Amino acid sequence: MARELDQRIDQTMTQLTEQLDALEAEEFDVELGEGKLVIDVEDGGPKFIVSRQGATNQIWLAEPGGGWRFDLVDDRWVCAKRGVELTANLAELLTAVLGRPVVLTDGA
């Protein structure tokens, strides 16, 4: 089970990176490496970090408003505390920062 979760985390991180790269946005840089995906908004904008947490089988999102933990529930990464899905949450954050719609899918 743990190996399956590790693979799912890797798959999710790769899919997010590919979707963000496909946006070809000049307003932010995307870098995936060492278990974390860093989205750095240019011109003094915020930084978002999506990271693997292997010990807890979670994905964490660090953003200026706080840090959030996402568990795999029904094939989606969901934050139990807020009831939001990872890709929807990240898309909403980027939409607010960039001032234009950003759409990401969970790839399930």
C-alpha atoms as a PDB file:
ATOM      1  CA  MET A   1       0.000   0.000   0.000  1.00  0.00           C
ATOM      2  CA  ALA A   2       2.790   2.447   0.898  1.00  0.00           C
ATOM      3  CA  ARG A   3       4.508   1.803  -2.436  1.00  0.00           C
ATOM      4  CA  GLU A   4       1.244   2.510  -4.276  1.00  0.00           C
ATOM      5  CA  LEU A   5       0.874   5.800  -2.395  1.00  0.00           C
ATOM      6  CA  ASP A   6       4.471   6.736  -3.202  1.00  0.00           C
ATOM      7  CA  GLN A   7       3.777   6.093  -6.877  1.00  0.00           C
ATOM      8  CA  ARG A   8       0.576   8.128  -6.712  1.00  0.00           C
ATOM      9  CA  ILE A   9       2.390  11.029  -5.071  1.00  0.00           C
ATOM     10  CA  ASP A  10       5.068  10.931  -7.788  1.00  0.00           C
ATOM     11  CA  GLN A  11       2.390  10.765 -10.481  1.00  0.00           C
ATOM     12  CA  THR A  12       0.516  13.735  -9.011  1.00  0.00           C
ATOM     13  CA  MET A  13       3.667  15.854  -8.705  1.00  0.00           C
ATOM     14  CA  THR A  14       4.645  15.063 -12.305  1.00  0.00           C
ATOM     15  CA  GLN A  15       1.142  15.815 -13.604  1.00  0.00           C
ATOM     16  CA  LEU A  16       1.038  19.145 -11.781  1.00  0.00           C
ATOM     17  CA  THR A  17       4.445  20.083 -13.189  1.00  0.00           C
ATOM     18  CA  GLU A  18       3.396  19.170 -16.728  1.00  0.00           C
ATOM     19  CA  GLN A  19       0.139  21.125 -16.455  1.00  0.00           C
ATOM     20  CA  LEU A  20       1.886  24.205 -15.067  1.00  0.00           C
ATOM     21  CA  ASP A  21       4.561  24.020 -17.765  1.00  0.00           C
ATOM     22  CA  ALA A  22       1.845  23.691 -20.428  1.00  0.00           C
ATOM     23  CA  LEU A  23       0.348  27.013 -19.297  1.00  0.00           C
ATOM     24  CA  GLU A  24       3.497  28.658 -20.686  1.00  0.00           C
ATOM     25  CA  ALA A  25       3.022  31.426 -18.154  1.00  0.00           C
ATOM     26  CA  GLU A  26       5.736  34.015 -17.997  1.00  0.00           C
ATOM     27  CA  GLU A  27       4.557  35.168 -14.558  1.00  0.00           C
ATOM     28  CA  PHE A  28       5.956  32.183 -12.673  1.00  0.00           C
ATOM     29  CA  ASP A  29       8.689  29.554 -12.755  1.00  0.00           C
ATOM     30  CA  VAL A  30       8.126  25.875 -11.974  1.00  0.00           C
ATOM     31  CA  GLU A  31      10.751  23.479 -10.666  1.00  0.00           C
ATOM     32  CA  LEU A  32      10.319  19.849  -9.607  1.00  0.00           C
ATOM     33  CA  GLY A  33      13.068  18.104  -7.694  1.00  0.00           C
ATOM     34  CA  GLU A  34      13.916  16.294  -4.477  1.00  0.00           C
ATOM     35  CA  GLY A  35      10.301  15.548  -3.603  1.00  0.00           C
ATOM     36  CA  LYS A  36       8.985  19.056  -4.004  1.00  0.00           C
ATOM     37  CA  LEU A  37       7.412  21.226  -6.655  1.00  0.00           C
ATOM     38  CA  VAL A  38       8.210  24.925  -6.323  1.00  0.00           C
ATOM     39  CA  ILE A  39       6.099  27.543  -8.073  1.00  0.00           C
ATOM     40  CA  ASP A  40       7.816  30.914  -7.827  1.00  0.00           C
ATOM     41  CA  VAL A  41       5.739  33.886  -8.947  1.00  0.00           C
ATOM     42  CA  GLU A  42       7.999  36.546 -10.439  1.00  0.00           C
ATOM     43  CA  ASP A  43       8.274  40.229  -9.531  1.00  0.00           C
ATOM     44  CA  GLY A  44       8.125  39.663  -5.780  1.00  0.00           C
ATOM     45  CA  GLY A  45       5.085  37.422  -5.907  1.00  0.00           C
ATOM     46  CA  PRO A  46       4.489  34.545  -3.532  1.00  0.00           C
ATOM     47  CA  LYS A  47       6.082  31.129  -3.640  1.00  0.00           C
ATOM     48  CA  PHE A  48       4.023  27.937  -3.473  1.00  0.00           C
ATOM     49  CA  ILE A  49       5.611  24.640  -2.484  1.00  0.00           C
ATOM     50  CA  VAL A  50       3.946  21.281  -3.047  1.00  0.00           C
ATOM     51  CA  SER A  51       5.910  18.566  -1.266  1.00  0.00           C
ATOM     52  CA  ARG A  52       5.795  14.841  -0.682  1.00  0.00           C
ATOM     53  CA  GLN A  53       5.521  13.681   2.904  1.00  0.00           C
ATOM     54  CA  GLY A  54       6.431  10.022   2.679  1.00  0.00           C
ATOM     55  CA  ALA A  55       6.223   9.330   6.411  1.00  0.00           C
ATOM     56  CA  THR A  56       2.566  10.361   6.509  1.00  0.00           C
ATOM     57  CA  ASN A  57       1.648   9.402   2.912  1.00  0.00           C
ATOM     58  CA  GLN A  58       0.480  12.953   2.279  1.00  0.00           C
ATOM     59  CA  ILE A  59       1.126  15.853  -0.038  1.00  0.00           C
ATOM     60  CA  TRP A  60       1.618  19.201   1.658  1.00  0.00           C
ATOM     61  CA  LEU A  61       1.043  22.640   0.175  1.00  0.00           C
ATOM     62  CA  ALA A  62       2.854  25.637   1.639  1.00  0.00           C
ATOM     63  CA  GLU A  63       1.487  29.006   0.575  1.00  0.00           C
ATOM     64  CA  PRO A  64       1.437  32.502   2.067  1.00  0.00           C
ATOM     65  CA  GLY A  65      -1.904  31.780   3.803  1.00  0.00           C
ATOM     66  CA  GLY A  66      -0.610  28.682   5.576  1.00  0.00           C
ATOM     67  CA  GLY A  67       0.353  25.075   5.175  1.00  0.00           C
ATOM     68  CA  TRP A  68      -2.120  22.371   4.211  1.00  0.00           C
ATOM     69  CA  ARG A  69      -2.047  18.579   4.285  1.00  0.00           C
ATOM     70  CA  PHE A  70      -3.715  16.502   1.598  1.00  0.00           C
ATOM     71  CA  ASP A  71      -4.651  12.823   1.936  1.00  0.00           C
ATOM     72  CA  LEU A  72      -5.616  10.478  -0.859  1.00  0.00           C
ATOM     73  CA  VAL A  73      -9.398  10.030  -0.543  1.00  0.00           C
ATOM     74  CA  ASP A  74     -11.458   8.370  -3.275  1.00  0.00           C
ATOM     75  CA  ASP A  75      -8.593   8.827  -5.741  1.00  0.00           C
ATOM     76  CA  ARG A  76      -8.247  12.571  -5.034  1.00  0.00           C
ATOM     77  CA  TRP A  77      -5.856  14.531  -2.829  1.00  0.00           C
ATOM     78  CA  VAL A  78      -8.131  16.255  -0.292  1.00  0.00           C
ATOM     79  CA  CYS A  79      -7.439  18.544   2.669  1.00  0.00           C
ATOM     80  CA  ALA A  80      -9.670  17.172   5.431  1.00  0.00           C
ATOM     81  CA  LYS A  81      -9.466  20.405   7.433  1.00  0.00           C
ATOM     82  CA  ARG A  82     -10.882  22.540   4.616  1.00  0.00           C
ATOM     83  CA  GLY A  83     -12.554  19.977   2.353  1.00  0.00           C
ATOM     84  CA  VAL A  84     -10.729  21.172  -0.764  1.00  0.00           C
ATOM     85  CA  GLU A  85      -8.906  19.199  -3.443  1.00  0.00           C
ATOM     86  CA  LEU A  86      -5.224  19.899  -4.128  1.00  0.00           C
ATOM     87  CA  THR A  87      -5.389  20.881  -7.804  1.00  0.00           C
ATOM     88  CA  ALA A  88      -8.506  23.021  -7.324  1.00  0.00           C
ATOM     89  CA  ASN A  89      -6.866  24.766  -4.372  1.00  0.00           C
ATOM     90  CA  LEU A  90      -3.651  25.413  -6.275  1.00  0.00           C
ATOM     91  CA  ALA A  91      -5.561  26.671  -9.335  1.00  0.00           C
ATOM     92  CA  GLU A  92      -7.549  29.043  -7.120  1.00  0.00           C
ATOM     93  CA  LEU A  93      -4.376  30.421  -5.504  1.00  0.00           C
ATOM     94  CA  LEU A  94      -2.685  30.975  -8.866  1.00  0.00           C
ATOM     95  CA  THR A  95      -5.828  32.568 -10.318  1.00  0.00           C
ATOM     96  CA  ALA A  96      -5.904  35.063  -7.445  1.00  0.00           C
ATOM     97  CA  VAL A  97      -2.211  35.935  -7.803  1.00  0.00           C
ATOM     98  CA  LEU A  98      -2.139  36.156 -11.605  1.00  0.00           C
ATOM     99  CA  GLY A  99      -5.517  37.857 -12.023  1.00  0.00           C
ATOM    100  CA  ARG A 100      -6.585  35.444 -14.740  1.00  0.00           C
ATOM    101  CA  PRO A 101      -8.168  31.979 -14.702  1.00  0.00           C
ATOM    102  CA  VAL A 102      -5.862  29.033 -14.124  1.00  0.00           C
ATOM    103  CA  VAL A 103      -7.346  25.560 -14.599  1.00  0.00           C
ATOM    104  CA  LEU A 104      -5.655  22.402 -13.334  1.00  0.00           C
ATOM    105  CA  THR A 105      -7.072  18.880 -13.289  1.00  0.00           C
ATOM    106  CA  ASP A 106      -6.352  16.064 -10.874  1.00  0.00           C
ATOM    107  CA  GLY A 107      -5.509  13.573 -13.632  1.00  0.00           C
ATOM    108  CA  ALA A 108      -7.417  10.786 -11.902  1.00  0.00           C
END
